[in-house]
């Protein structure tokens, strides 16, 4: 985990030496064969009733001539599918919780 600010943001990341196949510390020198990614989730309050979820993903890898085709042809589409499924799940949970809150509020009256 790279950063957490409750009710604001969550940033996840990994840095891998592909030749040795082990995870590196973020401050480690960059090996020739590497894969570094981050996945950031930010909550932006629009008003008292609505919040927008912003998601950003980044990747750096090398050497580009070897890893680039894999990243574009395989990793990018898989990431899109995975992220879309995750965001649909988040939306479903938010809507379900919103309905549950409305039902509890109606019962409490």
Protein backbone atom coordinates (compact mmCIF):
# COMPACT_ATOMS: atom_id res chain seq x y z
CA UNK A 1 0.00 0.00 0.00
CA UNK A 2 1.48 3.33 -1.02
CA UNK A 3 -0.91 5.79 0.62
CA UNK A 4 -4.13 5.87 2.62
CA UNK A 5 -6.17 8.87 3.64
CA UNK A 6 -9.47 7.67 5.16
CA UNK A 7 -12.54 8.78 3.23
CA UNK A 8 -10.28 10.49 0.65
CA UNK A 9 -7.90 8.13 -1.15
CA UNK A 10 -6.32 4.70 -1.37
CA UNK A 11 -3.21 4.18 -3.49
CA UNK A 12 -1.86 0.69 -4.12
CA UNK A 13 1.34 -0.13 -5.92
CA UNK A 14 3.93 -2.75 -6.68
CA UNK A 15 7.46 -2.73 -8.06
CA UNK A 16 8.85 -6.01 -9.38
CA UNK A 17 12.29 -7.07 -10.61
CA UNK A 18 11.21 -9.33 -13.47
CA UNK A 19 14.56 -11.06 -13.83
CA UNK A 20 14.80 -12.05 -10.14
CA UNK A 21 10.96 -12.28 -9.81
CA UNK A 22 10.79 -10.50 -6.48
CA UNK A 23 9.09 -7.38 -5.17
CA UNK A 24 11.29 -4.33 -4.69
CA UNK A 25 11.06 -1.41 -2.30
CA UNK A 26 9.68 1.69 -4.04
CA UNK A 27 13.00 3.52 -3.50
CA UNK A 28 15.13 0.69 -4.95
CA UNK A 29 17.20 1.40 -8.06
CA UNK A 30 15.42 0.47 -11.28
CA UNK A 31 16.59 -2.85 -12.73
CA UNK A 32 16.65 -3.36 -16.50
CA UNK A 33 13.72 -5.79 -16.38
CA UNK A 34 11.02 -4.25 -14.20
CA UNK A 35 7.28 -3.80 -13.79
CA UNK A 36 6.02 -0.92 -11.62
CA UNK A 37 2.31 -0.21 -11.24
CA UNK A 38 0.03 1.94 -9.15
CA UNK A 39 -3.73 1.90 -8.74
CA UNK A 40 -5.31 4.93 -7.09
CA UNK A 41 -8.86 5.42 -5.83
CA UNK A 42 -10.02 8.93 -4.92
CA UNK A 43 -13.34 10.06 -3.46
CA UNK A 44 -14.51 13.49 -4.59
CA UNK A 45 -17.47 14.91 -2.68
CA UNK A 46 -19.78 16.61 -5.16
CA UNK A 47 -22.37 17.73 -2.61
CA UNK A 48 -23.90 16.39 0.62
CA UNK A 49 -25.69 13.59 -1.24
CA UNK A 50 -23.21 12.58 -3.94
CA UNK A 51 -19.61 11.43 -4.14
CA UNK A 52 -17.62 10.60 -7.26
CA UNK A 53 -15.13 7.73 -7.29
CA UNK A 54 -12.10 8.42 -9.50
CA UNK A 55 -9.77 5.57 -10.41
CA UNK A 56 -6.36 5.90 -12.02
CA UNK A 57 -3.93 3.19 -12.99
CA UNK A 58 -0.35 3.61 -14.15
CA UNK A 59 2.34 1.23 -15.29
CA UNK A 60 6.02 1.55 -16.09
CA UNK A 61 8.00 -1.36 -17.42
CA UNK A 62 11.21 -2.17 -19.14
CA UNK A 63 12.69 -3.00 -21.46
CA UNK A 64 9.87 -1.56 -23.54
CA UNK A 65 10.65 -3.48 -26.73
CA UNK A 66 10.18 -6.80 -24.85
CA UNK A 67 7.46 -6.01 -22.34
CA UNK A 68 5.54 -3.38 -24.35
CA UNK A 69 3.72 -5.86 -26.61
CA UNK A 70 2.64 -7.92 -23.58
CA UNK A 71 1.47 -4.77 -21.78
CA UNK A 72 -0.57 -3.53 -24.75
CA UNK A 73 -1.98 -6.85 -26.01
CA UNK A 74 -2.58 -8.79 -22.80
CA UNK A 75 -2.20 -6.69 -19.64
CA UNK A 76 -4.18 -3.60 -20.75
CA UNK A 77 -7.33 -5.50 -21.83
CA UNK A 78 -7.21 -7.71 -18.72
CA UNK A 79 -6.83 -4.63 -16.52
CA UNK A 80 -9.82 -2.98 -18.25
CA UNK A 81 -12.01 -6.05 -17.68
CA UNK A 82 -10.91 -6.40 -14.05
CA UNK A 83 -11.40 -2.71 -13.28
CA UNK A 84 -14.81 -2.56 -14.95
CA UNK A 85 -16.00 -5.58 -12.98
CA UNK A 86 -14.70 -4.05 -9.74
CA UNK A 87 -16.40 -0.69 -10.39
CA UNK A 88 -19.70 -2.38 -11.26
CA UNK A 89 -19.45 -4.25 -7.95
CA UNK A 90 -18.77 -0.99 -6.08
CA UNK A 91 -21.80 0.63 -7.73
CA UNK A 92 -24.02 -2.33 -6.80
CA UNK A 93 -22.88 -2.23 -3.15
CA UNK A 94 -23.43 1.54 -2.94
CA UNK A 95 -26.93 1.27 -4.40
CA UNK A 96 -27.79 -1.63 -2.08
CA UNK A 97 -26.54 0.31 0.97
CA UNK A 98 -28.50 3.38 -0.15
CA UNK A 99 -31.70 1.31 -0.40
CA UNK A 100 -31.02 -0.26 3.02
CA UNK A 101 -30.50 3.17 4.61
CA UNK A 102 -33.73 4.48 3.06
CA UNK A 103 -35.62 1.43 4.35
CA UNK A 104 -34.18 1.82 7.89
CA UNK A 105 -35.03 5.52 7.83
CA UNK A 106 -38.63 4.78 6.78
CA UNK A 107 -39.01 2.19 9.57
CA UNK A 108 -37.56 4.60 12.15
CA UNK A 109 -40.22 7.22 11.38
